[in-house]
């Protein structure tokens, strides 16, 4: 089996993982809204969806059309980071429980989560996104996709984290 085919399987697996996230997110968002949850940052959410979809598409397009040789050391080390990212992502989701979703929805009266990876970092899931956004494309040497996603994601995360912090402060006030 060619490396492009194997990489395609990996990217599709990550895509399926994203769909699983969306199922959990939708359920948790409904739970939050039933308890008076307030959503912030609706304007940047479609941009986030396009960017993350673009990461997966860009990985495949670049891998299939670049005809680039990939160092096994790079491929395996980046694959290890992708797998570690998935583990950390689901640790974040588990730690936040019903409070986790892909949107910025804050339920008044609920305390900030300080367990799991949130004991160590304020926004560990965004570390996952940064690492995965660079590592996934580099599994197959798709460095253009890695760079474009990383730069665009840095701009998006600036908006996203500010929105999240403002939403959390408004509930705490």
N, C-alpha and C. Protein backbone atom coordinates (compact mmCIF):
# COMPACT_ATOMS: atom_id res chain seq x y z
N UNK A 1 0.85 -1.18 0.00
CA UNK A 1 0.00 0.00 0.00
C UNK A 1 0.89 1.24 0.00
N UNK A 2 0.55 2.22 -0.80
CA UNK A 2 1.39 3.42 -0.92
C UNK A 2 1.27 4.30 0.32
N UNK A 3 2.28 5.14 0.50
CA UNK A 3 2.26 6.05 1.65
C UNK A 3 1.11 7.05 1.56
N UNK A 4 0.73 7.43 0.33
CA UNK A 4 -0.40 8.35 0.16
C UNK A 4 -1.70 7.70 0.64
N UNK A 5 -1.86 6.42 0.34
CA UNK A 5 -3.07 5.71 0.76
C UNK A 5 -3.11 5.59 2.28
N UNK A 6 -1.98 5.23 2.87
CA UNK A 6 -1.92 5.12 4.33
C UNK A 6 -2.19 6.47 4.99
N UNK A 7 -1.63 7.53 4.42
CA UNK A 7 -1.85 8.86 4.97
C UNK A 7 -3.32 9.26 4.82
N UNK A 8 -3.94 8.91 3.70
CA UNK A 8 -5.36 9.19 3.49
C UNK A 8 -6.20 8.49 4.56
N UNK A 9 -5.85 7.26 4.88
CA UNK A 9 -6.57 6.54 5.94
C UNK A 9 -6.42 7.27 7.27
N UNK A 10 -5.22 7.75 7.57
CA UNK A 10 -4.98 8.50 8.80
C UNK A 10 -5.83 9.77 8.83
N UNK A 11 -5.82 10.52 7.76
CA UNK A 11 -6.58 11.78 7.71
C UNK A 11 -8.08 11.49 7.82
N UNK A 12 -8.55 10.44 7.17
CA UNK A 12 -9.96 10.07 7.29
C UNK A 12 -10.29 9.66 8.72
N UNK A 13 -9.38 8.96 9.38
CA UNK A 13 -9.59 8.58 10.79
C UNK A 13 -9.69 9.83 11.67
N UNK A 14 -8.84 10.81 11.42
CA UNK A 14 -8.91 12.07 12.17
C UNK A 14 -10.24 12.76 11.86
N UNK A 15 -10.67 12.71 10.60
CA UNK A 15 -11.96 13.29 10.23
C UNK A 15 -13.11 12.62 10.96
N UNK A 16 -13.06 11.30 11.08
CA UNK A 16 -14.10 10.57 11.83
C UNK A 16 -14.07 10.94 13.31
N UNK A 17 -12.86 11.13 13.83
CA UNK A 17 -12.73 11.57 15.22
C UNK A 17 -13.40 12.93 15.40
N UNK A 18 -13.21 13.82 14.43
CA UNK A 18 -13.83 15.14 14.48
C UNK A 18 -15.37 15.03 14.48
N UNK A 19 -15.88 14.10 13.68
CA UNK A 19 -17.33 13.90 13.66
C UNK A 19 -17.82 13.40 15.02
N UNK A 20 -17.06 12.51 15.64
CA UNK A 20 -17.42 12.05 16.99
C UNK A 20 -17.43 13.22 17.96
N UNK A 21 -16.45 14.11 17.84
CA UNK A 21 -16.42 15.31 18.68
C UNK A 21 -17.68 16.14 18.49
N UNK A 22 -18.10 16.29 17.24
CA UNK A 22 -19.28 17.11 16.96
C UNK A 22 -20.54 16.51 17.58
N UNK A 23 -20.63 15.19 17.60
CA UNK A 23 -21.77 14.53 18.23
C UNK A 23 -21.78 14.84 19.73
N UNK A 24 -20.62 14.69 20.37
CA UNK A 24 -20.50 14.99 21.80
C UNK A 24 -20.79 16.48 22.04
N UNK A 25 -20.24 17.33 21.20
CA UNK A 25 -20.41 18.77 21.34
C UNK A 25 -21.87 19.17 21.25
N UNK A 26 -22.56 18.62 20.28
CA UNK A 26 -23.98 18.97 20.09
C UNK A 26 -24.80 18.55 21.31
N UNK A 27 -24.55 17.37 21.82
CA UNK A 27 -25.24 16.89 23.02
C UNK A 27 -24.94 17.80 24.21
N UNK A 28 -23.66 18.14 24.38
CA UNK A 28 -23.26 18.98 25.52
C UNK A 28 -23.77 20.41 25.38
N UNK A 29 -23.81 20.92 24.16
CA UNK A 29 -24.34 22.28 23.95
C UNK A 29 -25.82 22.32 24.32
N UNK A 30 -26.57 21.29 23.93
CA UNK A 30 -27.99 21.24 24.30
C UNK A 30 -28.15 21.22 25.81
N UNK A 31 -27.31 20.43 26.48
CA UNK A 31 -27.33 20.36 27.94
C UNK A 31 -27.06 21.74 28.54
N UNK A 32 -26.06 22.44 28.00
CA UNK A 32 -25.70 23.77 28.51
C UNK A 32 -26.84 24.76 28.31
N UNK A 33 -27.45 24.75 27.13
CA UNK A 33 -28.54 25.70 26.86
C UNK A 33 -29.74 25.42 27.76
N UNK A 34 -30.00 24.14 28.05
CA UNK A 34 -31.10 23.79 28.96
C UNK A 34 -30.88 24.36 30.35
N UNK A 35 -29.63 24.63 30.70
CA UNK A 35 -29.29 25.15 32.03
C UNK A 35 -28.95 26.64 31.99
N UNK A 36 -29.40 27.31 30.94
CA UNK A 36 -29.20 28.76 30.85
C UNK A 36 -27.87 29.18 30.25
N UNK A 37 -27.21 28.27 29.56
CA UNK A 37 -25.93 28.58 28.94
C UNK A 37 -26.03 29.76 27.98
N UNK A 38 -24.97 30.55 27.98
CA UNK A 38 -24.90 31.73 27.12
C UNK A 38 -23.75 31.54 26.14
N UNK A 39 -24.07 31.70 24.85
CA UNK A 39 -23.04 31.51 23.82
C UNK A 39 -22.40 32.83 23.46
N UNK A 40 -21.10 32.80 23.28
CA UNK A 40 -20.33 33.96 22.83
C UNK A 40 -19.54 33.55 21.60
N UNK A 41 -19.16 34.51 20.79
CA UNK A 41 -18.25 34.26 19.68
C UNK A 41 -18.83 33.50 18.51
N UNK A 42 -20.11 33.65 18.26
CA UNK A 42 -20.71 32.94 17.13
C UNK A 42 -20.06 33.33 15.80
N UNK A 43 -19.56 34.55 15.70
CA UNK A 43 -19.01 35.03 14.44
C UNK A 43 -17.76 34.28 14.00
N UNK A 44 -16.93 33.86 14.93
CA UNK A 44 -15.70 33.18 14.53
C UNK A 44 -15.89 31.67 14.35
N UNK A 45 -17.01 31.13 14.81
CA UNK A 45 -17.20 29.68 14.75
C UNK A 45 -17.19 29.15 13.31
N UNK A 46 -17.90 29.77 12.36
CA UNK A 46 -17.83 29.26 10.98
C UNK A 46 -16.41 29.30 10.40
N UNK A 47 -15.64 30.30 10.79
CA UNK A 47 -14.25 30.39 10.34
C UNK A 47 -13.46 29.20 10.88
N UNK A 48 -13.72 28.84 12.14
CA UNK A 48 -13.05 27.71 12.75
C UNK A 48 -13.40 26.41 12.01
N UNK A 49 -14.65 26.24 11.66
CA UNK A 49 -15.09 25.04 10.94
C UNK A 49 -14.39 24.96 9.58
N UNK A 50 -14.35 26.06 8.87
CA UNK A 50 -13.69 26.09 7.56
C UNK A 50 -12.19 25.80 7.70
N UNK A 51 -11.56 26.41 8.69
CA UNK A 51 -10.13 26.22 8.88
C UNK A 51 -9.80 24.76 9.20
N UNK A 52 -10.56 24.15 10.10
CA UNK A 52 -10.28 22.77 10.48
C UNK A 52 -10.61 21.79 9.35
N UNK A 53 -11.65 22.08 8.58
CA UNK A 53 -11.95 21.27 7.40
C UNK A 53 -10.84 21.44 6.37
N UNK A 54 -10.38 22.68 6.22
CA UNK A 54 -9.30 22.98 5.28
C UNK A 54 -8.01 22.26 5.64
N UNK A 55 -7.75 22.08 6.93
CA UNK A 55 -6.57 21.33 7.35
C UNK A 55 -6.62 19.92 6.79
N UNK A 56 -7.74 19.25 6.95
CA UNK A 56 -7.86 17.87 6.48
C UNK A 56 -7.77 17.79 4.95
N UNK A 57 -8.47 18.68 4.28
CA UNK A 57 -8.44 18.71 2.81
C UNK A 57 -7.04 19.06 2.32
N UNK A 58 -6.43 20.07 2.94
CA UNK A 58 -5.08 20.48 2.54
C UNK A 58 -4.07 19.36 2.70
N UNK A 59 -4.19 18.61 3.79
CA UNK A 59 -3.29 17.46 4.00
C UNK A 59 -3.37 16.50 2.82
N UNK A 60 -4.59 16.16 2.43
CA UNK A 60 -4.77 15.19 1.35
C UNK A 60 -4.32 15.74 0.00
N UNK A 61 -4.70 16.96 -0.29
CA UNK A 61 -4.33 17.56 -1.58
C UNK A 61 -2.81 17.65 -1.70
N UNK A 62 -2.17 18.15 -0.68
CA UNK A 62 -0.72 18.30 -0.75
C UNK A 62 -0.01 16.95 -0.81
N UNK A 63 -0.49 15.99 -0.06
CA UNK A 63 0.14 14.66 -0.06
C UNK A 63 0.03 13.99 -1.42
N UNK A 64 -1.13 14.10 -2.05
CA UNK A 64 -1.34 13.41 -3.33
C UNK A 64 -0.70 14.13 -4.50
N UNK A 65 -0.57 15.47 -4.44
CA UNK A 65 -0.05 16.19 -5.59
C UNK A 65 1.38 16.68 -5.45
N UNK A 66 1.96 16.57 -4.30
CA UNK A 66 3.31 17.10 -4.15
C UNK A 66 4.40 16.14 -4.61
N UNK A 67 4.14 14.85 -4.55
CA UNK A 67 5.13 13.84 -4.92
C UNK A 67 6.44 14.08 -4.18
N UNK A 68 6.29 14.38 -2.89
CA UNK A 68 7.42 14.72 -2.04
C UNK A 68 7.88 13.48 -1.27
N UNK A 69 9.17 13.26 -1.23
CA UNK A 69 9.72 12.18 -0.41
C UNK A 69 9.58 12.57 1.05
N UNK A 70 9.22 11.60 1.89
CA UNK A 70 9.00 11.87 3.31
C UNK A 70 10.01 11.08 4.13
N UNK A 71 10.71 11.76 5.00
CA UNK A 71 11.65 11.11 5.89
C UNK A 71 10.88 10.21 6.86
N UNK A 72 11.28 8.94 6.98
CA UNK A 72 10.60 8.07 7.95
C UNK A 72 10.69 8.61 9.38
N UNK A 73 11.80 9.21 9.74
CA UNK A 73 11.94 9.78 11.08
C UNK A 73 10.91 10.88 11.31
N UNK A 74 10.75 11.77 10.32
CA UNK A 74 9.75 12.82 10.43
C UNK A 74 8.35 12.21 10.50
N UNK A 75 8.06 11.29 9.60
CA UNK A 75 6.72 10.70 9.54
C UNK A 75 6.34 10.03 10.86
N UNK A 76 7.22 9.20 11.40
CA UNK A 76 6.91 8.48 12.63
C UNK A 76 6.85 9.40 13.84
N UNK A 77 7.72 10.38 13.90
CA UNK A 77 7.68 11.30 15.05
C UNK A 77 6.41 12.16 15.01
N UNK A 78 6.02 12.59 13.82
CA UNK A 78 4.80 13.39 13.70
C UNK A 78 3.56 12.53 13.97
N UNK A 79 3.59 11.28 13.54
CA UNK A 79 2.47 10.37 13.84
C UNK A 79 2.33 10.19 15.35
N UNK A 80 3.45 10.06 16.05
CA UNK A 80 3.41 9.94 17.51
C UNK A 80 2.76 11.18 18.13
N UNK A 81 3.08 12.37 17.60
CA UNK A 81 2.46 13.60 18.10
C UNK A 81 0.96 13.65 17.81
N UNK A 82 0.57 13.15 16.63
CA UNK A 82 -0.86 13.12 16.29
C UNK A 82 -1.61 12.21 17.26
N UNK A 83 -1.06 11.04 17.52
CA UNK A 83 -1.70 10.10 18.45
C UNK A 83 -1.75 10.70 19.86
N UNK A 84 -0.65 11.30 20.30
CA UNK A 84 -0.62 11.94 21.62
C UNK A 84 -1.64 13.08 21.68
N UNK A 85 -1.79 13.81 20.59
CA UNK A 85 -2.77 14.91 20.53
C UNK A 85 -4.18 14.38 20.73
N UNK A 86 -4.49 13.26 20.10
CA UNK A 86 -5.83 12.69 20.25
C UNK A 86 -6.08 12.28 21.70
N UNK A 87 -5.06 11.69 22.32
CA UNK A 87 -5.21 11.28 23.72
C UNK A 87 -5.43 12.50 24.61
N UNK A 88 -4.65 13.56 24.42
CA UNK A 88 -4.82 14.77 25.21
C UNK A 88 -6.17 15.42 24.94
N UNK A 89 -6.60 15.41 23.68
CA UNK A 89 -7.90 16.01 23.33
C UNK A 89 -9.02 15.32 24.12
N UNK A 90 -9.01 13.99 24.14
CA UNK A 90 -10.09 13.27 24.82
C UNK A 90 -9.94 13.37 26.34
N UNK A 91 -8.73 13.59 26.83
CA UNK A 91 -8.55 13.87 28.26
C UNK A 91 -9.21 15.20 28.59
N UNK A 92 -9.03 16.19 27.73
CA UNK A 92 -9.68 17.50 27.91
C UNK A 92 -11.20 17.34 27.90
N UNK A 93 -11.70 16.63 26.92
CA UNK A 93 -13.15 16.43 26.80
C UNK A 93 -13.68 15.73 28.04
N UNK A 94 -12.98 14.70 28.50
CA UNK A 94 -13.41 13.98 29.69
C UNK A 94 -13.36 14.85 30.94
N UNK A 95 -12.32 15.65 31.05
CA UNK A 95 -12.18 16.51 32.23
C UNK A 95 -13.29 17.56 32.30
N UNK A 96 -13.65 18.12 31.16
CA UNK A 96 -14.71 19.13 31.14
C UNK A 96 -16.10 18.51 31.23
N UNK A 97 -16.22 17.24 30.84
CA UNK A 97 -17.52 16.57 30.90
C UNK A 97 -18.56 17.30 30.09
N UNK A 98 -19.72 17.50 30.69
CA UNK A 98 -20.83 18.16 29.99
C UNK A 98 -20.51 19.60 29.61
N UNK A 99 -19.51 20.20 30.23
CA UNK A 99 -19.18 21.59 29.93
C UNK A 99 -18.36 21.73 28.65
N UNK A 100 -17.90 20.63 28.06
CA UNK A 100 -17.10 20.72 26.84
C UNK A 100 -18.01 20.78 25.63
N UNK A 101 -17.71 21.67 24.72
CA UNK A 101 -18.31 21.69 23.38
C UNK A 101 -17.40 22.51 22.49
N UNK A 102 -17.69 22.50 21.20
CA UNK A 102 -16.81 23.19 20.25
C UNK A 102 -17.13 24.69 20.16
N UNK A 103 -18.16 25.11 20.83
CA UNK A 103 -18.53 26.52 20.84
C UNK A 103 -18.10 27.13 22.17
N UNK A 104 -18.33 28.41 22.34
CA UNK A 104 -18.06 29.06 23.62
C UNK A 104 -19.41 29.26 24.30
N UNK A 105 -19.78 28.28 25.14
CA UNK A 105 -21.05 28.33 25.86
C UNK A 105 -20.72 28.20 27.34
N UNK A 106 -21.12 29.20 28.10
CA UNK A 106 -20.85 29.21 29.53
C UNK A 106 -22.17 29.13 30.28
N UNK A 107 -22.24 28.20 31.21
CA UNK A 107 -23.43 28.04 32.05
C UNK A 107 -23.19 28.82 33.34
N UNK A 108 -24.01 29.83 33.60
CA UNK A 108 -23.86 30.62 34.82
C UNK A 108 -23.93 29.72 36.07
N UNK A 109 -23.05 30.01 37.01
CA UNK A 109 -23.06 29.29 38.27
C UNK A 109 -22.16 28.07 38.32
N UNK A 110 -21.72 27.58 37.18
CA UNK A 110 -20.83 26.42 37.19
C UNK A 110 -19.39 26.89 37.43
N UNK A 111 -18.67 26.19 38.26
CA UNK A 111 -17.28 26.60 38.52
C UNK A 111 -16.38 26.24 37.34
N UNK A 112 -15.25 26.94 37.26
CA UNK A 112 -14.25 26.58 36.27
C UNK A 112 -13.71 25.19 36.59
N UNK A 113 -13.46 24.42 35.57
CA UNK A 113 -12.92 23.07 35.76
C UNK A 113 -11.43 23.19 36.06
N UNK A 114 -10.99 22.51 37.09
CA UNK A 114 -9.57 22.55 37.49
C UNK A 114 -9.03 21.14 37.68
N UNK A 115 -9.56 20.19 36.91
CA UNK A 115 -9.07 18.82 37.00
C UNK A 115 -8.51 18.40 35.64
N UNK A 116 -7.92 17.22 35.61
CA UNK A 116 -7.33 16.74 34.37
C UNK A 116 -6.24 17.70 33.91
N UNK A 117 -6.13 17.91 32.60
CA UNK A 117 -5.08 18.79 32.09
C UNK A 117 -5.30 20.26 32.47
N UNK A 118 -6.52 20.59 32.91
CA UNK A 118 -6.82 21.96 33.31
C UNK A 118 -6.17 22.32 34.64
N UNK A 119 -5.61 21.33 35.34
CA UNK A 119 -4.81 21.62 36.54
C UNK A 119 -3.51 22.31 36.16
N UNK A 120 -3.04 22.03 34.93
CA UNK A 120 -1.71 22.50 34.51
C UNK A 120 -1.77 23.67 33.53
N UNK A 121 -2.80 23.71 32.70
CA UNK A 121 -2.93 24.73 31.65
C UNK A 121 -4.34 25.28 31.62
N UNK A 122 -4.45 26.53 31.28
CA UNK A 122 -5.77 27.17 31.18
C UNK A 122 -6.53 26.67 29.95
N UNK A 123 -5.83 26.45 28.84
CA UNK A 123 -6.46 26.05 27.58
C UNK A 123 -5.72 24.87 26.94
N UNK A 124 -5.72 23.71 27.58
CA UNK A 124 -4.94 22.59 27.02
C UNK A 124 -5.46 22.09 25.67
N UNK A 125 -6.74 22.23 25.41
CA UNK A 125 -7.26 21.76 24.13
C UNK A 125 -6.67 22.56 22.97
N UNK A 126 -6.33 23.81 23.21
CA UNK A 126 -5.73 24.61 22.14
C UNK A 126 -4.29 24.20 21.89
N UNK A 127 -3.63 23.68 22.89
CA UNK A 127 -2.30 23.08 22.68
C UNK A 127 -2.44 21.90 21.73
N UNK A 128 -3.48 21.11 21.95
CA UNK A 128 -3.76 19.97 21.07
C UNK A 128 -3.92 20.44 19.63
N UNK A 129 -4.73 21.45 19.44
CA UNK A 129 -5.00 21.96 18.09
C UNK A 129 -3.72 22.45 17.42
N UNK A 130 -2.89 23.16 18.16
CA UNK A 130 -1.64 23.67 17.61
C UNK A 130 -0.71 22.51 17.21
N UNK A 131 -0.54 21.56 18.11
CA UNK A 131 0.36 20.44 17.83
C UNK A 131 -0.16 19.60 16.68
N UNK A 132 -1.43 19.25 16.73
CA UNK A 132 -2.00 18.43 15.67
C UNK A 132 -1.98 19.15 14.32
N UNK A 133 -2.24 20.46 14.34
CA UNK A 133 -2.26 21.22 13.09
C UNK A 133 -0.92 21.25 12.38
N UNK A 134 0.15 21.15 13.14
CA UNK A 134 1.48 21.07 12.53
C UNK A 134 1.85 19.61 12.24
N UNK A 135 1.56 18.72 13.19
CA UNK A 135 2.03 17.34 13.08
C UNK A 135 1.29 16.53 12.02
N UNK A 136 -0.02 16.65 11.94
CA UNK A 136 -0.77 15.83 10.98
C UNK A 136 -0.27 16.02 9.54
N UNK A 137 -0.16 17.25 9.05
CA UNK A 137 0.34 17.39 7.69
C UNK A 137 1.77 16.88 7.52
N UNK A 138 2.59 17.06 8.55
CA UNK A 138 4.00 16.67 8.44
C UNK A 138 4.22 15.16 8.47
N UNK A 139 3.19 14.40 8.85
CA UNK A 139 3.30 12.93 8.75
C UNK A 139 3.63 12.55 7.31
N UNK A 140 3.11 13.32 6.36
CA UNK A 140 3.41 13.06 4.95
C UNK A 140 4.15 14.21 4.29
N UNK A 141 4.84 15.00 5.08
CA UNK A 141 5.66 16.07 4.52
C UNK A 141 4.89 17.22 3.91
N UNK A 142 3.63 17.40 4.29
CA UNK A 142 2.80 18.47 3.73
C UNK A 142 3.08 19.76 4.51
N UNK A 143 4.27 20.28 4.31
CA UNK A 143 4.72 21.43 5.09
C UNK A 143 3.97 22.71 4.74
N UNK A 144 3.50 22.86 3.50
CA UNK A 144 2.74 24.06 3.13
C UNK A 144 1.44 24.10 3.93
N UNK A 145 0.75 22.97 3.99
CA UNK A 145 -0.48 22.89 4.78
C UNK A 145 -0.19 23.17 6.25
N UNK A 146 0.89 22.61 6.77
CA UNK A 146 1.26 22.82 8.17
C UNK A 146 1.49 24.30 8.45
N UNK A 147 2.20 24.98 7.58
CA UNK A 147 2.50 26.41 7.80
C UNK A 147 1.25 27.26 7.66
N UNK A 148 0.47 27.03 6.60
CA UNK A 148 -0.74 27.83 6.37
C UNK A 148 -1.72 27.65 7.53
N UNK A 149 -1.94 26.40 7.94
CA UNK A 149 -2.85 26.16 9.06
C UNK A 149 -2.34 26.82 10.33
N UNK A 150 -1.06 26.67 10.61
CA UNK A 150 -0.48 27.21 11.84
C UNK A 150 -0.65 28.73 11.91
N UNK A 151 -0.38 29.42 10.83
CA UNK A 151 -0.51 30.88 10.82
C UNK A 151 -1.98 31.29 10.96
N UNK A 152 -2.85 30.66 10.16
CA UNK A 152 -4.28 31.00 10.24
C UNK A 152 -4.85 30.64 11.60
N UNK A 153 -4.43 29.51 12.14
CA UNK A 153 -4.92 29.07 13.44
C UNK A 153 -4.44 30.01 14.56
N UNK A 154 -3.24 30.54 14.45
CA UNK A 154 -2.74 31.48 15.46
C UNK A 154 -3.66 32.71 15.51
N UNK A 155 -4.06 33.21 14.35
CA UNK A 155 -4.98 34.36 14.31
C UNK A 155 -6.33 33.98 14.90
N UNK A 156 -6.84 32.82 14.54
CA UNK A 156 -8.13 32.38 15.05
C UNK A 156 -8.09 32.16 16.56
N UNK A 157 -7.03 31.52 17.04
CA UNK A 157 -6.94 31.26 18.48
C UNK A 157 -6.82 32.55 19.29
N UNK A 158 -6.24 33.58 18.71
CA UNK A 158 -6.18 34.87 19.39
C UNK A 158 -7.59 35.37 19.66
N UNK A 159 -8.44 35.28 18.65
CA UNK A 159 -9.84 35.70 18.79
C UNK A 159 -10.58 34.75 19.73
N UNK A 160 -10.38 33.47 19.53
CA UNK A 160 -11.11 32.45 20.30
C UNK A 160 -10.80 32.53 21.81
N UNK A 161 -9.54 32.61 22.14
CA UNK A 161 -9.16 32.64 23.56
C UNK A 161 -9.64 33.93 24.21
N UNK A 162 -9.53 35.05 23.52
CA UNK A 162 -10.05 36.31 24.07
C UNK A 162 -11.56 36.22 24.31
N UNK A 163 -12.26 35.62 23.35
CA UNK A 163 -13.72 35.46 23.48
C UNK A 163 -14.05 34.58 24.68
N UNK A 164 -13.33 33.48 24.81
CA UNK A 164 -13.57 32.55 25.91
C UNK A 164 -13.28 33.20 27.27
N UNK A 165 -12.16 33.89 27.35
CA UNK A 165 -11.81 34.55 28.61
C UNK A 165 -12.84 35.61 28.98
N UNK A 166 -13.30 36.38 28.00
CA UNK A 166 -14.32 37.41 28.26
C UNK A 166 -15.62 36.75 28.73
N UNK A 167 -16.01 35.66 28.10
CA UNK A 167 -17.24 34.95 28.48
C UNK A 167 -17.13 34.40 29.89
N UNK A 168 -16.00 33.83 30.23
CA UNK A 168 -15.80 33.28 31.57
C UNK A 168 -15.81 34.39 32.63
N UNK A 169 -15.18 35.53 32.31
CA UNK A 169 -15.17 36.66 33.26
C UNK A 169 -16.57 37.22 33.47
N UNK A 170 -17.37 37.27 32.42
CA UNK A 170 -18.72 37.85 32.54
C UNK A 170 -19.60 37.00 33.44
N UNK A 171 -19.38 35.71 33.45
CA UNK A 171 -20.18 34.83 34.31
C UNK A 171 -19.68 34.92 35.75
N UNK A 172 -18.37 35.05 35.91
CA UNK A 172 -17.80 35.12 37.26
C UNK A 172 -18.10 36.45 37.93
N UNK A 173 -18.37 37.49 37.13
CA UNK A 173 -18.59 38.83 37.69
C UNK A 173 -19.94 38.96 38.37
